[in-house]
């Protein structure tokens, strides 16, 4: 037998031996094959599926369910409405536990998880594990941890986790503190970065805020609605630095403000609508404590601050803020800066290619109130122009160039339609003046913003 033929035979045998064991995966039915979900997991091997029948699952084996590091799928037969994990408000009882380095191949699919009570993560607990959680309803769970940093997460708690949470509803959960009545995502004190994600989720009516991101965690929140939470909708706090992204989201009607970025954190917000939120400062967006925030192609409208910054409030010493291609309109502040309030110490604040129009204040400077160093406003449409800002440009600490003061002609602002009419001066359509066209830059702000009424979240 030739050496070549021996090599071919050996390769075939080796390939057969290395066939993925998932080819031989089993389906374990609960309760037909195993009496409860935990026993189904205990009997499963990597690649298996534990399929749970319709019904209310409660008691031992159906709560505090531990995946035990297995790369398996635990799935309901007919979705979250049909299969309910009921923890019955029993102390130290939650739905599911991931604490053995589970990966994205550990999948939880299609359960309602309710009435859990625990220090951290009343519904789901992830510790140094990165499962996939999808199509679940996590509701009426509670974190009873004391009011300390990084402790909370009424619905879901994730520590050092790259969990992928998708198509889930996180509703009416609570925490003793403001650290994530809905979700708490946290990391390991500037040691190990984690990047969990919330995609196509609804986080609503939670007490203690919607999503709280704390301490070296880099979450991505995408295609999601964060609404009607008691507390800020989303918070990035305390060295939440790195690739932190909120994109294509609706942040609305949160009692405590829309979004916060504070205490040496970084956040990039794009393609989102931030509206009808209310806070003491920064009704729509609040940035503080030497943090860095970048906001682009967003509508920030109809938010309220009882003090300063109805739309956006920025106080920055070492961090900075970049706001571009945004519509900031119909926000209200009781004191200063109905649209934007920026107090800049050593860093800088740049506002460009944006519409700041129709904001309200009972104090001074309805559209923009600013103070400090290195504030730049460029290529914007601002109601009242330079007169309404309260700053004198000196080319060094305050730069004001290529801006206009013309009604942007929203389609129907009274009904929240902030698209621009075809003849809007902010879209440069039909405008013959080259100076106006230059003021709005080559990629005109109007054309970039016209799509906003088409971005809707359910």
Protein backbone atom coordinates (compact mmCIF):
# COMPACT_ATOMS: atom_id res chain seq x y z
CA UNK A 1 0.00 0.00 0.00
CA UNK A 2 1.44 3.36 -0.98
CA UNK A 3 2.30 6.00 1.57
CA UNK A 4 -0.19 8.32 -0.10
CA UNK A 5 -3.05 5.81 0.24
CA UNK A 6 -2.17 5.21 3.89
CA UNK A 7 -2.24 8.94 4.49
CA UNK A 8 -5.71 9.25 2.90
CA UNK A 9 -7.09 6.38 5.01
CA UNK A 10 -5.59 7.89 8.14
CA UNK A 11 -7.12 11.30 7.34
CA UNK A 12 -10.58 9.78 6.85
CA UNK A 13 -10.40 7.85 10.12
CA UNK A 14 -9.19 10.94 11.97
CA UNK A 15 -12.01 13.03 10.50
CA UNK A 16 -14.58 10.49 11.63
CA UNK A 17 -13.13 10.48 15.11
CA UNK A 18 -13.24 14.26 15.23
CA UNK A 19 -16.86 14.61 14.10
CA UNK A 20 -18.61 17.19 16.25
CA UNK A 21 -20.43 15.39 19.02
CA UNK A 22 -23.36 17.76 18.38
CA UNK A 23 -24.27 15.51 15.42
CA UNK A 24 -25.41 12.97 18.00
CA UNK A 25 -27.25 15.50 20.17
CA UNK A 26 -30.23 14.28 22.17
CA UNK A 27 -33.60 15.86 22.87
CA UNK A 28 -34.60 15.60 26.53
CA UNK A 29 -38.27 16.31 27.23
CA UNK A 30 -39.44 17.78 30.53
CA UNK A 31 -41.47 16.38 32.21
CA UNK A 32 -41.80 13.34 29.91
CA UNK A 33 -38.15 12.22 30.18
CA UNK A 34 -37.06 14.10 33.30
CA UNK A 35 -39.32 15.41 36.09
CA UNK A 36 -37.96 18.98 36.17
CA UNK A 37 -35.69 21.35 34.30
CA UNK A 38 -32.66 20.90 36.54
CA UNK A 39 -32.75 17.13 36.19
CA UNK A 40 -33.03 17.60 32.44
CA UNK A 41 -29.88 19.74 32.47
CA UNK A 42 -28.10 17.25 34.73
CA UNK A 43 -28.85 14.47 32.23
CA UNK A 44 -27.81 16.51 29.19
CA UNK A 45 -24.49 16.49 27.39
CA UNK A 46 -22.96 19.27 25.31
CA UNK A 47 -25.06 19.83 22.22
CA UNK A 48 -28.27 18.43 23.71
CA UNK A 49 -31.58 20.28 23.96
CA UNK A 50 -33.79 20.27 27.03
CA UNK A 51 -37.31 20.92 25.77
CA UNK A 52 -39.80 22.05 28.41
CA UNK A 53 -43.53 21.55 27.98
CA UNK A 54 -46.19 24.20 28.56
CA UNK A 55 -47.07 25.04 32.12
CA UNK A 56 -46.05 26.81 35.30
CA UNK A 57 -42.72 25.53 36.62
CA UNK A 58 -42.11 26.05 40.33
CA UNK A 59 -40.45 24.47 43.32
CA UNK A 60 -37.20 22.53 43.61
CA UNK A 61 -35.64 21.70 40.27
CA UNK A 62 -37.63 24.40 38.48
CA UNK A 63 -36.07 27.44 40.20
CA UNK A 64 -32.41 28.32 40.86
CA UNK A 65 -31.75 26.35 37.67
CA UNK A 66 -27.99 26.02 37.06
CA UNK A 67 -26.59 25.32 33.59
CA UNK A 68 -23.42 23.94 35.25
CA UNK A 69 -21.21 25.05 32.38
CA UNK A 70 -22.91 22.87 29.79
CA UNK A 71 -23.15 23.95 26.15
CA UNK A 72 -26.78 23.02 25.76
CA UNK A 73 -30.06 24.64 24.79
CA UNK A 74 -32.86 24.88 27.32
CA UNK A 75 -35.97 25.79 25.39
CA UNK A 76 -39.70 26.02 25.94
CA UNK A 77 -42.02 24.14 23.63
CA UNK A 78 -44.28 27.07 22.74
CA UNK A 79 -42.57 30.23 23.94
CA UNK A 80 -42.53 32.49 26.96
CA UNK A 81 -46.28 32.93 27.29
CA UNK A 82 -46.78 29.17 27.58
CA UNK A 83 -43.92 28.22 29.92
CA UNK A 84 -43.46 30.18 33.14
CA UNK A 85 -40.75 29.90 35.80
CA UNK A 86 -42.51 31.14 38.94
CA UNK A 87 -40.21 31.76 41.92
CA UNK A 88 -43.17 32.62 44.15
CA UNK A 89 -41.34 35.52 45.87
CA UNK A 90 -39.33 32.97 47.85
CA UNK A 91 -36.17 34.54 49.41
CA UNK A 92 -32.87 33.63 47.71
CA UNK A 93 -34.71 32.21 44.74
CA UNK A 94 -34.18 33.20 41.13
CA UNK A 95 -34.92 31.63 37.76
CA UNK A 96 -31.61 30.71 36.12
CA UNK A 97 -27.94 30.69 37.12
CA UNK A 98 -24.88 30.86 34.85
CA UNK A 99 -21.69 30.68 36.93
CA UNK A 100 -19.46 28.03 35.34
CA UNK A 101 -17.92 29.83 32.35
CA UNK A 102 -20.83 29.12 30.06
CA UNK A 103 -20.37 30.37 26.48
CA UNK A 104 -22.73 31.57 23.78
CA UNK A 105 -23.46 27.89 23.09
CA UNK A 106 -25.30 27.78 26.41
CA UNK A 107 -28.72 28.96 25.26
CA UNK A 108 -31.83 29.87 27.23
CA UNK A 109 -34.78 30.31 24.88
CA UNK A 110 -38.41 31.22 25.42
CA UNK A 111 -39.35 31.37 29.10
CA UNK A 112 -41.21 33.75 31.36
CA UNK A 113 -39.22 34.22 34.57
CA UNK A 114 -41.09 35.97 37.35
CA UNK A 115 -41.34 36.65 41.08
CA UNK A 116 -37.67 35.98 41.89
CA UNK A 117 -36.01 37.54 44.95
CA UNK A 118 -32.24 37.64 45.43
CA UNK A 119 -29.40 39.98 46.33
CA UNK A 120 -28.12 40.07 42.75
CA UNK A 121 -30.24 39.18 39.76
CA UNK A 122 -33.71 38.30 40.92
CA UNK A 123 -34.52 36.73 37.56
CA UNK A 124 -31.22 35.66 35.97
CA UNK A 125 -27.68 35.64 37.41
CA UNK A 126 -24.52 35.53 35.24
CA UNK A 127 -21.11 35.43 36.96
CA UNK A 128 -18.05 34.97 34.75
CA UNK A 129 -20.31 33.39 32.17
CA UNK A 130 -21.49 34.47 28.72
CA UNK A 131 -24.69 32.65 27.73
CA UNK A 132 -27.21 33.45 25.03
CA UNK A 133 -30.58 34.50 26.46
CA UNK A 134 -33.36 35.03 23.95
CA UNK A 135 -37.12 35.31 23.58
CA UNK A 136 -37.65 35.54 27.33
CA UNK A 137 -39.93 37.68 29.48
CA UNK A 138 -38.26 38.65 32.77
CA UNK A 139 -40.80 40.34 35.03
CA UNK A 140 -41.68 41.14 38.63
CA UNK A 141 -38.28 40.07 39.97
CA UNK A 142 -36.41 41.94 42.68
CA UNK A 143 -32.85 42.60 43.81
CA UNK A 144 -32.76 43.08 47.58
CA UNK A 145 -29.05 43.94 47.79
CA UNK A 146 -28.16 46.97 49.93
CA UNK A 147 -27.57 50.29 48.21
CA UNK A 148 -23.92 49.77 47.32
CA UNK A 149 -22.10 50.32 44.00
CA UNK A 150 -22.44 47.43 41.58
CA UNK A 151 -25.20 45.69 43.51
CA UNK A 152 -28.65 45.37 42.00
CA UNK A 153 -30.13 44.00 38.83
CA UNK A 154 -33.71 43.17 39.63
CA UNK A 155 -34.29 41.34 36.36
CA UNK A 156 -30.79 40.37 35.20
CA UNK A 157 -27.34 40.65 36.82
CA UNK A 158 -24.18 40.10 34.75
CA UNK A 159 -20.62 40.23 36.16
CA UNK A 160 -17.62 39.78 33.83
CA UNK A 161 -19.99 38.55 31.17
CA UNK A 162 -20.27 38.72 27.39
CA UNK A 163 -23.87 37.53 27.56
CA UNK A 164 -25.99 38.08 24.46
CA UNK A 165 -29.52 39.05 25.51
CA UNK A 166 -31.80 39.31 22.53
CA UNK A 167 -35.52 39.70 21.84
CA UNK A 168 -36.31 39.78 25.56
CA UNK A 169 -38.84 41.82 27.54
CA UNK A 170 -37.55 43.02 30.91
CA UNK A 171 -40.59 44.43 32.66
CA UNK A 172 -41.59 45.63 36.13
CA UNK A 173 -38.52 44.42 37.99
CA UNK A 174 -37.03 46.37 40.89
CA UNK A 175 -33.89 47.06 42.90
CA UNK A 176 -33.36 48.67 46.29
CA UNK A 177 -30.98 51.17 44.71
CA UNK A 178 -30.87 52.89 41.33
CA UNK A 179 -28.43 50.24 40.13
CA UNK A 180 -30.56 48.60 37.50
CA UNK A 181 -34.07 47.72 38.41
CA UNK A 182 -34.16 46.00 35.04
CA UNK A 183 -30.55 45.04 34.25
CA UNK A 184 -27.17 45.50 35.97
CA UNK A 185 -24.05 44.93 33.86
CA UNK A 186 -20.76 45.18 35.73
CA UNK A 187 -17.08 44.32 35.38
CA UNK A 188 -13.97 43.69 37.40
CA UNK A 189 -12.45 46.94 38.61
CA UNK A 190 -10.38 47.87 35.55
CA UNK A 191 -8.99 44.37 35.21
CA UNK A 192 -10.99 42.32 32.72
CA UNK A 193 -13.17 43.92 30.05
CA UNK A 194 -16.53 42.37 29.30
CA UNK A 195 -18.94 43.22 26.50
CA UNK A 196 -22.49 42.02 27.05
CA UNK A 197 -25.18 43.06 24.60
CA UNK A 198 -28.88 43.87 24.67
CA UNK A 199 -30.38 43.56 21.19
CA UNK A 200 -34.03 43.92 20.14
CA UNK A 201 -35.09 44.13 23.77
CA UNK A 202 -37.79 46.05 25.60
CA UNK A 203 -36.80 47.33 29.05
CA UNK A 204 -39.78 49.03 30.61
CA UNK A 205 -41.54 49.94 33.85
CA UNK A 206 -38.67 48.86 36.09
CA UNK A 207 -38.15 50.51 39.48
CA UNK A 208 -34.53 51.54 39.99
CA UNK A 209 -33.82 52.42 36.38
CA UNK A 210 -33.69 50.43 33.18
CA UNK A 211 -30.07 49.41 32.52
CA UNK A 212 -27.11 50.20 34.80
CA UNK A 213 -23.57 49.68 33.45
CA UNK A 214 -20.83 49.88 36.06
CA UNK A 215 -17.06 49.47 36.32
CA UNK A 216 -15.14 48.28 33.25
CA UNK A 217 -17.98 46.87 31.25
CA UNK A 218 -18.50 47.68 27.56
CA UNK A 219 -22.10 46.87 26.69
CA UNK A 220 -23.78 47.33 23.35
CA UNK A 221 -27.46 48.28 23.46
CA UNK A 222 -29.01 48.03 20.01
CA UNK A 223 -32.46 48.14 18.41
CA UNK A 224 -34.11 48.36 21.81
CA UNK A 225 -36.75 50.37 23.64
CA UNK A 226 -36.02 51.67 27.15
CA UNK A 227 -39.12 53.33 28.52
CA UNK A 228 -41.23 54.25 31.53
CA UNK A 229 -38.59 53.26 34.06
CA UNK A 230 -38.46 54.86 37.50
CA UNK A 231 -34.88 56.11 37.41
CA UNK A 232 -32.67 56.87 34.43
CA UNK A 233 -33.28 54.74 31.38
CA UNK A 234 -29.62 53.82 30.84
CA UNK A 235 -26.60 54.63 33.03
CA UNK A 236 -22.90 54.19 32.25
CA UNK A 237 -21.04 54.92 35.48
CA UNK A 238 -17.58 54.58 37.03
CA UNK A 239 -14.92 53.63 34.49
CA UNK A 240 -17.43 52.17 32.04
CA UNK A 241 -14.88 52.82 29.31
CA UNK A 242 -14.25 51.27 25.92
CA UNK A 243 -16.62 50.33 23.13
CA UNK A 244 -19.87 51.40 24.80
CA UNK A 245 -22.58 51.86 22.21
CA UNK A 246 -26.26 52.76 22.17
CA UNK A 247 -27.61 52.59 18.63
CA UNK A 248 -31.01 52.60 16.95
CA UNK A 249 -32.84 52.80 20.26
CA UNK A 250 -35.88 54.59 21.61
CA UNK A 251 -35.29 56.07 25.08
CA UNK A 252 -38.54 57.55 26.29
CA UNK A 253 -40.62 58.55 29.32
CA UNK A 254 -38.08 57.57 31.95
CA UNK A 255 -38.59 59.29 35.30
CA UNK A 256 -35.03 60.16 36.23
CA UNK A 257 -33.76 61.03 32.79
CA UNK A 258 -32.96 59.29 29.55
CA UNK A 259 -29.22 58.47 29.50
CA UNK A 260 -26.36 59.13 31.93
CA UNK A 261 -22.61 58.89 31.31
CA UNK A 262 -20.61 59.69 34.44
CA UNK A 263 -17.45 59.22 36.49
CA UNK A 264 -14.78 58.54 33.85
CA UNK A 265 -17.02 56.66 31.45
CA UNK A 266 -17.25 56.68 27.65
CA UNK A 267 -20.38 56.42 25.54
CA UNK A 268 -21.25 56.61 21.84
CA UNK A 269 -24.94 57.21 21.04
CA UNK A 270 -26.09 56.97 17.42
CA UNK A 271 -29.30 56.76 15.41
CA UNK A 272 -31.58 57.01 18.43
CA UNK A 273 -34.60 58.94 19.63
CA UNK A 274 -34.43 60.35 23.18
CA UNK A 275 -37.73 61.91 24.12
CA UNK A 276 -40.16 62.72 26.94
CA UNK A 277 -37.71 61.92 29.73
CA UNK A 278 -37.53 63.96 32.94
CA UNK A 279 -34.71 64.60 35.44
CA UNK A 280 -33.27 67.26 37.72
CA UNK A 281 -30.42 67.93 35.27
CA UNK A 282 -30.04 66.55 31.78
CA UNK A 283 -33.54 65.41 30.98
CA UNK A 284 -32.48 63.67 27.78
CA UNK A 285 -28.74 63.13 28.30
CA UNK A 286 -26.59 63.80 31.37
CA UNK A 287 -22.79 63.68 31.13
CA UNK A 288 -20.64 64.39 34.18
CA UNK A 289 -17.45 63.52 35.99
CA UNK A 290 -14.70 63.68 33.35
CA UNK A 291 -16.55 61.38 30.99
CA UNK A 292 -16.50 61.30 27.19
CA UNK A 293 -19.71 61.26 25.19
CA UNK A 294 -20.29 61.27 21.44
CA UNK A 295 -23.81 61.72 20.09
CA UNK A 296 -24.63 61.60 16.39
CA UNK A 297 -27.74 61.42 14.21
CA UNK A 298 -30.15 61.51 17.14
CA UNK A 299 -33.40 63.29 17.90
CA UNK A 300 -33.43 64.73 21.44
CA UNK A 301 -36.86 66.19 21.94
CA UNK A 302 -39.48 67.07 24.54
CA UNK A 303 -37.34 66.20 27.55
CA UNK A 304 -37.57 68.13 30.85
CA UNK A 305 -34.98 69.20 33.43
CA UNK A 306 -36.18 70.84 36.61
CA UNK A 307 -32.86 72.70 36.73
CA UNK A 308 -30.45 72.80 33.74
CA UNK A 309 -30.09 71.09 30.39
CA UNK A 310 -33.51 69.96 29.27
CA UNK A 311 -32.11 68.14 26.25
CA UNK A 312 -28.44 67.69 27.16
CA UNK A 313 -26.45 68.60 30.28
CA UNK A 314 -22.66 68.32 30.12
CA UNK A 315 -20.31 69.14 32.96
CA UNK A 316 -16.81 68.06 32.09
CA UNK A 317 -13.38 68.60 33.57
CA UNK A 318 -11.12 66.10 31.80
CA UNK A 319 -13.56 64.44 29.42
CA UNK A 320 -15.25 65.95 26.38
CA UNK A 321 -18.45 65.94 24.36
CA UNK A 322 -19.07 65.74 20.61
CA UNK A 323 -22.62 66.34 19.35
CA UNK A 324 -23.17 66.10 15.58
CA UNK A 325 -26.05 65.72 13.10
CA UNK A 326 -28.71 65.91 15.83
CA UNK A 327 -32.08 67.59 16.21
CA UNK A 328 -32.48 69.12 19.69
CA UNK A 329 -35.93 70.60 20.00
CA UNK A 330 -38.82 71.34 22.36
CA UNK A 331 -36.89 70.46 25.48
CA UNK A 332 -37.53 72.38 28.71
CA UNK A 333 -35.29 73.50 31.60
CA UNK A 334 -36.48 75.52 34.56
CA UNK A 335 -33.19 77.39 34.97
CA UNK A 336 -30.79 77.45 32.01
CA UNK A 337 -30.25 75.69 28.72
CA UNK A 338 -33.56 74.30 27.60
CA UNK A 339 -31.79 72.62 24.70
CA UNK A 340 -28.18 72.29 25.84
CA UNK A 341 -26.26 73.23 28.98
CA UNK A 342 -22.47 72.87 28.79
CA UNK A 343 -20.09 73.73 31.62
CA UNK A 344 -16.59 72.92 30.42
CA UNK A 345 -13.48 73.21 32.57
CA UNK A 346 -10.28 71.91 30.96
CA UNK A 347 -11.69 69.77 28.13
CA UNK A 348 -13.83 70.71 25.10
CA UNK A 349 -17.39 70.66 23.80
CA UNK A 350 -18.14 70.50 20.07
CA UNK A 351 -21.61 70.97 18.59
CA UNK A 352 -21.86 70.68 14.81
CA UNK A 353 -24.29 70.13 11.93
CA UNK A 354 -27.29 70.14 14.24
CA UNK A 355 -30.63 71.88 14.69
CA UNK A 356 -31.24 73.51 18.10
CA UNK A 357 -34.66 75.05 17.86
CA UNK A 358 -37.79 75.69 19.89
CA UNK A 359 -36.41 74.79 23.30
CA UNK A 360 -37.80 76.51 26.42
CA UNK A 361 -36.47 77.79 29.72
CA UNK A 362 -37.86 79.85 32.56
CA UNK A 363 -34.36 81.23 33.11
CA UNK A 364 -31.78 82.32 30.56
CA UNK A 365 -30.73 81.02 27.16
CA UNK A 366 -33.44 78.66 26.01
CA UNK A 367 -31.45 77.05 23.20
CA UNK A 368 -27.90 76.86 24.57
CA UNK A 369 -26.30 77.92 27.83
CA UNK A 370 -22.56 77.46 28.21
CA UNK A 371 -19.56 78.49 30.21
CA UNK A 372 -15.90 77.60 30.51
CA UNK A 373 -13.33 76.67 27.93
CA UNK A 374 -13.18 75.37 24.37
CA UNK A 375 -16.79 75.43 23.29
CA UNK A 376 -17.26 75.19 19.52
CA UNK A 377 -20.56 75.58 17.68
CA UNK A 378 -20.23 75.04 13.96
CA UNK A 379 -22.58 74.58 11.00
CA UNK A 380 -25.75 74.56 13.11
CA UNK A 381 -29.21 76.07 12.87
CA UNK A 382 -29.83 77.77 16.23
CA UNK A 383 -32.88 79.84 17.07
CA UNK A 384 -31.78 83.33 18.05
CA UNK A 385 -28.28 82.75 16.73
CA UNK A 386 -25.39 84.10 18.71
CA UNK A 387 -27.56 86.52 20.70
CA UNK A 388 -29.41 83.71 22.42
CA UNK A 389 -26.33 81.84 23.56
CA UNK A 390 -24.88 84.27 26.07
CA UNK A 391 -21.25 83.78 25.03
CA UNK A 392 -18.96 86.04 23.03
CA UNK A 393 -16.80 84.26 20.45
CA UNK A 394 -13.10 84.91 20.88
CA UNK A 395 -11.71 82.24 18.55
CA UNK A 396 -9.98 80.53 21.43
CA UNK A 397 -12.35 79.51 24.22
CA UNK A 398 -15.56 79.98 22.24
CA UNK A 399 -15.78 79.43 18.49
CA UNK A 400 -18.98 80.18 16.59
CA UNK A 401 -18.74 79.72 12.82
CA UNK A 402 -20.96 78.97 9.81
CA UNK A 403 -24.22 78.88 11.75
CA UNK A 404 -27.67 80.08 10.68
CA UNK A 405 -30.80 81.28 12.48
CA UNK A 406 -33.75 80.15 10.33
CA UNK A 407 -36.91 78.21 11.10
CA UNK A 408 -36.02 74.62 10.08
CA UNK A 409 -39.63 73.98 9.01
CA UNK A 410 -40.38 70.69 10.72
CA UNK A 411 -43.15 68.68 9.06
CA UNK A 412 -45.38 68.64 12.15
CA UNK A 413 -43.55 69.47 15.37
CA UNK A 414 -46.80 69.54 17.38
CA UNK A 415 -47.22 65.84 16.67
CA UNK A 416 -43.57 64.96 17.13
CA UNK A 417 -42.73 64.74 13.43
CA UNK A 418 -39.35 66.45 13.18
CA UNK A 419 -38.68 65.64 9.57
CA UNK A 420 -37.90 68.68 7.45
CA UNK A 421 -40.02 70.20 4.73
CA UNK A 422 -38.48 70.12 1.27
CA UNK A 423 -37.90 73.87 1.34
CA UNK A 424 -36.30 73.84 4.78
CA UNK A 425 -33.30 76.16 5.05
CA UNK A 426 -31.71 73.52 7.22
CA UNK A 427 -31.73 71.03 4.36
CA UNK A 428 -30.14 73.44 1.88
CA UNK A 429 -32.86 72.45 -0.63
CA UNK A 430 -33.62 75.30 -3.00
CA UNK A 431 -31.24 77.62 -1.21
CA UNK A 432 -29.23 79.72 -3.66
CA UNK A 433 -26.93 81.34 -1.12
CA UNK A 434 -23.57 79.62 -1.12
CA UNK A 435 -22.86 80.88 2.37
CA UNK A 436 -25.93 79.09 3.74
CA UNK A 437 -25.04 75.93 1.87
CA UNK A 438 -21.55 76.07 3.35
CA UNK A 439 -23.00 76.73 6.79
CA UNK A 440 -24.71 73.35 6.68
CA UNK A 441 -21.62 71.54 5.36
CA UNK A 442 -21.35 69.33 2.29
CA UNK A 443 -23.49 66.54 3.76
CA UNK A 444 -26.36 68.75 4.75
CA UNK A 445 -27.81 68.38 8.18
CA UNK A 446 -31.34 68.41 6.81
CA UNK A 447 -30.79 65.47 4.51
CA UNK A 448 -29.25 63.50 7.34
CA UNK A 449 -32.12 64.28 9.71
CA UNK A 450 -35.06 63.82 7.36
CA UNK A 451 -35.18 60.09 8.14
CA UNK A 452 -35.96 60.48 11.82
CA UNK A 453 -39.72 60.05 11.67
CA UNK A 454 -39.07 56.74 9.93
CA UNK A 455 -37.09 55.39 12.90
CA UNK A 456 -39.72 53.92 15.20
CA UNK A 457 -39.46 51.45 18.00
CA UNK A 458 -42.31 49.21 19.10
